[in-house]
Amino acid sequence: MAKEAKEAKKPEKPSSKQKPAVIIVGADKGGVGKTTVARTMLDYFAGKNVLTRAFDTESPRGTLKRFHPRVTEVVDLTQVADQMKVLDTLHSSEVKVSIIDVRAGLLSRTLKDMTDIGFFDAVKNGEFKFALFHVLGPSVASLSEIDDMLPYTENAEYYVVKNHINDTNFFEWDQETYNRYFKKSRRTANEITVPKLNEMAYEQVELAGVPFVSFGQNKTAKNQRADYSLVLRGYVRTWEKAIHEQYDDAGMMEWATDGAQSS
């Protein structure tokens, strides 16, 4: 099958010309599903044959690491030593795409620390590429964070992620709301919408402790055949496919790899 052939293909080493790309997934508000979004990104890049590493800031236990243990390291970004583990290795690592899953309440501090370190000056000078996936919960109150995030996105890709995973009800953008939060900036935000996933399907993926894509392919964490529900697997595949199509439309693959790799 085509899918199996794609899985068997080993990731290519990134081109030496590929600029390191840092993707932060976060929000100051808790319970908005940040790690869920990070998990879909890791599945997306794996499906595109792009080597990616991840940093889980839910120290010490880690949540993202439970689902993607081979590519994820748990770090405490409030500690200088762990900041060095992430940022000092951007150029030296052969893996040029780094995803940082920032725990609740730590996003603003992380961005401020990265400013003090000089990371955003390096982004401005073209040393690195930076994207912020700002995950909003199902309430207008979440929008108040946007004002705090905009100063860090001047030379970045900024995505507002509307995550329906935990709630079917969600605010909708209208022009007045949009203008209110972006009138101070000369730029706009890209929108990604994470649709609602059937509750039973989501629960079974959590219990299995595997990536969404593995659940959809009926594979265990050891890549062996599992016995997951045909129905629930179908829901998961359809749900994640809809998200990955939005990543394609947003040009994430080309942005992250400078076009150096292809699917």
Protein backbone atom coordinates (compact mmCIF):
# COMPACT_ATOMS: atom_id res chain seq x y z
CA MET A 1 0.00 0.00 0.00
CA ALA A 2 1.08 3.59 -0.62
CA LYS A 3 0.87 4.48 3.07
CA GLU A 4 3.08 1.57 4.05
CA ALA A 5 5.62 2.51 1.41
CA LYS A 6 5.68 6.05 2.74
CA GLU A 7 6.22 4.82 6.29
CA ALA A 8 9.12 2.65 5.21
CA LYS A 9 10.91 5.55 3.57
CA LYS A 10 13.62 6.88 5.87
CA PRO A 11 13.72 10.62 6.55
CA GLU A 12 16.28 12.38 4.44
CA LYS A 13 19.02 14.41 6.10
CA PRO A 14 18.25 18.12 5.83
CA SER A 15 20.12 20.21 3.31
CA SER A 16 23.11 22.10 4.69
CA LYS A 17 21.46 25.23 3.35
CA GLN A 18 18.35 24.67 5.44
CA LYS A 19 17.94 27.38 8.05
CA PRO A 20 16.98 26.23 11.57
CA ALA A 21 13.25 26.68 12.16
CA VAL A 22 11.76 27.06 15.64
CA ILE A 23 8.04 26.52 16.19
CA ILE A 24 6.55 27.41 19.55
CA VAL A 25 3.12 26.03 20.43
CA GLY A 26 1.64 27.71 23.46
CA ALA A 27 -0.76 29.94 25.32
CA ASP A 28 -0.80 31.54 28.72
CA LYS A 29 -4.27 30.14 29.38
CA GLY A 30 -4.43 26.51 30.45
CA GLY A 31 -6.65 23.75 29.14
CA VAL A 32 -6.71 24.88 25.51
CA GLY A 33 -5.07 21.78 24.02
CA LYS A 34 -1.56 22.98 23.20
CA THR A 35 0.01 19.53 23.34
CA THR A 36 -2.69 18.16 21.04
CA VAL A 37 -1.67 20.72 18.43
CA ALA A 38 2.03 19.88 18.87
CA ARG A 39 1.22 16.20 18.37
CA THR A 40 -0.52 16.90 15.07
CA MET A 41 2.55 18.88 13.93
CA LEU A 42 4.93 16.03 14.71
CA ASP A 43 2.68 13.67 12.74
CA TYR A 44 2.56 16.20 9.89
CA PHE A 45 6.32 16.57 9.51
CA ALA A 46 6.88 12.82 9.93
CA GLY A 47 4.41 12.24 7.10
CA LYS A 48 6.37 14.72 4.98
CA ASN A 49 9.64 12.88 5.68
CA VAL A 50 11.09 15.85 7.61
CA LEU A 51 13.35 15.21 10.58
CA THR A 52 11.90 17.07 13.56
CA ARG A 53 12.81 17.28 17.23
CA ALA A 54 10.51 18.38 20.04
CA PHE A 55 10.91 19.88 23.49
CA ASP A 56 8.28 19.21 26.13
CA THR A 57 8.23 21.87 28.87
CA GLU A 58 5.89 19.93 31.17
CA SER A 59 8.88 19.21 33.39
CA PRO A 60 9.62 16.81 34.93
CA ARG A 61 7.05 14.28 33.73
CA GLY A 62 6.26 15.48 30.24
CA THR A 63 3.07 14.99 28.24
CA LEU A 64 4.20 15.28 24.63
CA LYS A 65 7.03 12.85 25.32
CA ARG A 66 4.52 10.16 26.24
CA PHE A 67 3.21 10.12 22.67
CA HIS A 68 6.43 10.91 20.77
CA PRO A 69 9.23 9.61 23.03
CA ARG A 70 11.86 9.08 20.32
CA VAL A 71 12.01 12.70 19.19
CA THR A 72 11.03 14.54 22.40
CA GLU A 73 13.14 15.79 25.29
CA VAL A 74 11.64 17.17 28.49
CA VAL A 75 13.12 20.53 29.48
CA ASP A 76 12.52 23.26 32.03
CA LEU A 77 12.73 26.52 30.08
CA THR A 78 12.90 28.55 33.27
CA GLN A 79 16.41 27.13 33.76
CA VAL A 80 19.37 28.53 31.81
CA ALA A 81 20.91 25.09 31.31
CA ASP A 82 17.79 23.84 29.56
CA GLN A 83 17.48 27.02 27.50
CA MET A 84 20.99 26.21 26.28
CA LYS A 85 19.93 22.64 25.40
CA VAL A 86 17.30 24.05 23.06
CA LEU A 87 18.81 27.21 21.57
CA ASP A 88 22.55 26.51 21.57
CA THR A 89 21.99 23.39 19.48
CA LEU A 90 19.89 24.96 16.71
CA HIS A 91 22.81 25.24 14.31
CA SER A 92 24.78 22.18 15.44
CA SER A 93 21.89 19.70 15.31
CA GLU A 94 21.33 17.90 12.02
CA VAL A 95 17.61 18.20 12.77
CA LYS A 96 16.67 21.68 11.66
CA VAL A 97 13.00 21.81 12.68
CA SER A 98 12.38 22.22 16.42
CA ILE A 99 8.94 22.25 18.04
CA ILE A 100 8.66 23.63 21.57
CA ASP A 101 5.47 22.70 23.43
CA VAL A 102 5.22 25.43 26.09
CA ARG A 103 3.22 24.58 29.18
CA ALA A 104 0.35 26.74 30.39
CA GLY A 105 1.34 30.03 31.99
CA LEU A 106 4.87 29.95 30.60
CA LEU A 107 4.45 31.41 27.11
CA SER A 108 4.89 35.09 27.93
CA ARG A 109 7.89 34.38 30.16
CA THR A 110 9.47 32.13 27.52
CA LEU A 111 9.13 34.80 24.83
CA LYS A 112 10.56 37.45 27.17
CA ASP A 113 13.51 35.22 28.05
CA MET A 114 14.15 34.57 24.36
CA THR A 115 14.13 38.32 23.80
CA ASP A 116 16.69 38.86 26.58
CA ILE A 117 18.85 36.05 25.17
CA GLY A 118 18.88 37.76 21.77
CA PHE A 119 16.99 35.05 19.90
CA PHE A 120 14.64 37.49 18.18
CA ASP A 121 17.55 39.66 17.08
CA ALA A 122 18.98 36.54 15.45
CA VAL A 123 15.63 35.89 13.77
CA LYS A 124 15.60 39.46 12.47
CA ASN A 125 19.14 38.99 11.14
CA GLY A 126 18.12 35.84 9.30
CA GLU A 127 19.93 33.24 11.42
CA PHE A 128 16.78 31.38 12.37
CA LYS A 129 13.14 31.20 11.37
CA PHE A 130 10.44 31.45 14.01
CA ALA A 131 6.73 30.61 14.06
CA LEU A 132 4.32 31.04 16.94
CA PHE A 133 1.24 28.85 17.10
CA HIS A 134 -0.91 30.65 19.65
CA VAL A 135 -3.61 28.26 20.82
CA LEU A 136 -6.87 29.89 21.89
CA GLY A 137 -9.58 28.30 23.96
CA PRO A 138 -13.32 28.43 23.29
CA SER A 139 -13.94 31.88 24.77
CA VAL A 140 -13.44 35.48 23.77
CA ALA A 141 -11.37 35.92 26.95
CA SER A 142 -8.55 33.98 25.28
CA LEU A 143 -8.25 36.76 22.71
CA SER A 144 -6.82 39.14 25.29
CA GLU A 145 -3.51 37.26 25.00
CA ILE A 146 -3.07 38.41 21.40
CA ASP A 147 -2.00 41.90 22.40
CA ASP A 148 0.80 40.38 24.47
CA MET A 149 1.96 38.11 21.66
CA LEU A 150 2.09 40.56 18.74
CA PRO A 151 5.36 42.29 19.73
CA TYR A 152 7.18 38.96 19.36
CA THR A 153 5.84 38.21 15.87
CA GLU A 154 7.30 41.08 13.85
CA ASN A 155 9.69 38.81 11.97
CA ALA A 156 7.78 35.59 12.56
CA GLU A 157 4.94 33.53 11.21
CA TYR A 158 2.01 34.01 13.59
CA TYR A 159 -0.81 31.50 13.70
CA VAL A 160 -3.95 31.83 15.78
CA VAL A 161 -5.15 28.29 16.48
CA LYS A 162 -8.83 27.88 17.31
CA ASN A 163 -8.94 24.55 19.08
CA HIS A 164 -12.36 22.89 19.22
CA ILE A 165 -10.97 19.63 20.58
CA ASN A 166 -12.41 20.08 24.08
CA ASP A 167 -15.51 22.10 23.29
CA THR A 168 -17.96 22.36 20.40
CA ASN A 169 -18.87 25.96 21.16
CA PHE A 170 -16.40 28.60 20.04
CA PHE A 171 -16.35 32.29 19.37
CA GLU A 172 -16.29 33.30 15.73
CA TRP A 173 -14.17 36.06 14.27
CA ASP A 174 -16.07 39.10 13.13
CA GLN A 175 -14.51 42.16 11.55
CA GLU A 176 -14.87 44.29 14.67
CA THR A 177 -13.16 41.68 16.85
CA TYR A 178 -10.45 41.15 14.26
CA ASN A 179 -9.73 44.87 13.96
CA ARG A 180 -9.63 45.28 17.73
CA TYR A 181 -6.83 42.82 18.23
CA PHE A 182 -4.79 43.48 15.12
CA LYS A 183 -5.19 47.22 14.49
CA LYS A 184 -1.98 47.96 16.40
CA SER A 185 -0.06 45.71 14.06
CA ARG A 186 0.62 46.12 10.38
CA ARG A 187 0.25 42.40 9.94
CA THR A 188 -2.47 39.80 10.29
CA ALA A 189 -2.51 36.34 11.78
CA ASN A 190 -2.97 33.10 9.94
CA GLU A 191 -5.83 30.98 11.23
CA ILE A 192 -5.75 27.25 11.92
CA THR A 193 -8.92 25.54 13.09
CA VAL A 194 -8.63 22.25 14.97
CA PRO A 195 -12.02 20.56 14.54
CA LYS A 196 -13.87 18.62 17.19
CA LEU A 197 -12.74 15.01 17.50
CA ASN A 198 -15.20 12.38 18.68
CA GLU A 199 -14.77 12.09 22.45
CA MET A 200 -14.48 8.31 22.47
CA ALA A 201 -11.86 8.39 19.72
CA TYR A 202 -9.79 10.99 21.56
CA GLU A 203 -10.06 9.01 24.80
CA GLN A 204 -8.88 5.79 23.14
CA VAL A 205 -5.84 7.51 21.63
CA GLU A 206 -4.99 8.83 25.09
CA LEU A 207 -5.28 5.34 26.57
CA ALA A 208 -3.17 3.83 23.77
CA GLY A 209 -0.46 6.45 24.32
CA VAL A 210 0.50 6.54 20.63
CA PRO A 211 0.64 9.29 18.00
CA PHE A 212 -2.64 10.06 16.27
CA VAL A 213 -1.24 8.74 13.01
CA SER A 214 -0.24 5.43 14.62
CA PHE A 215 -3.71 5.00 16.06
CA GLY A 216 -5.22 5.66 12.65
CA GLN A 217 -2.91 3.05 11.12
CA ASN A 218 -3.76 0.52 13.87
CA LYS A 219 -0.19 0.43 15.18
CA THR A 220 1.12 0.16 18.74
CA ALA A 221 3.92 2.26 20.18
CA LYS A 222 6.30 -0.50 19.03
CA ASN A 223 4.89 -0.27 15.49
CA GLN A 224 3.17 -3.64 15.83
CA ARG A 225 -0.36 -4.39 14.72
CA ALA A 226 -2.97 -3.28 17.28
CA ASP A 227 -6.66 -3.99 17.68
CA TYR A 228 -8.15 -0.51 17.79
CA SER A 229 -11.72 0.10 16.70
CA LEU A 230 -12.19 0.48 12.95
CA VAL A 231 -14.74 3.22 13.59
CA LEU A 232 -12.57 5.21 15.98
CA ARG A 233 -9.53 4.87 13.73
CA GLY A 234 -11.56 6.34 10.91
CA TYR A 235 -12.61 9.34 12.99
CA VAL A 236 -9.00 10.01 13.98
CA ARG A 237 -7.69 9.78 10.41
CA THR A 238 -10.36 12.11 9.05
CA TRP A 239 -9.81 14.60 11.87
CA GLU A 240 -6.04 14.76 11.51
CA LYS A 241 -6.21 14.87 7.71
CA ALA A 242 -8.33 18.05 7.99
CA ILE A 243 -5.67 19.66 10.19
CA HIS A 244 -2.78 18.61 7.97
CA GLU A 245 -4.52 20.07 4.93
CA GLN A 246 -4.57 23.41 6.72
CA TYR A 247 -0.84 23.11 7.42
CA ASP A 248 -0.34 22.47 3.71
CA ASP A 249 -2.47 25.49 2.79
CA ALA A 250 -0.44 27.62 5.20
CA GLY A 251 2.80 26.54 3.51
CA MET A 252 4.31 25.06 6.67
CA MET A 253 6.37 22.47 4.84
CA GLU A 254 8.00 24.99 2.51
CA TRP A 255 8.54 27.50 5.30
CA ALA A 256 10.14 25.00 7.67
CA THR A 257 12.47 23.39 5.13
CA ASP A 258 13.24 26.25 2.70
CA GLY A 259 12.00 23.85 0.04
CA ALA A 260 15.08 21.68 0.71
CA GLN A 261 12.99 18.54 1.19
CA SER A 262 9.88 17.26 -0.46
CA SER A 263 7.30 14.63 0.34
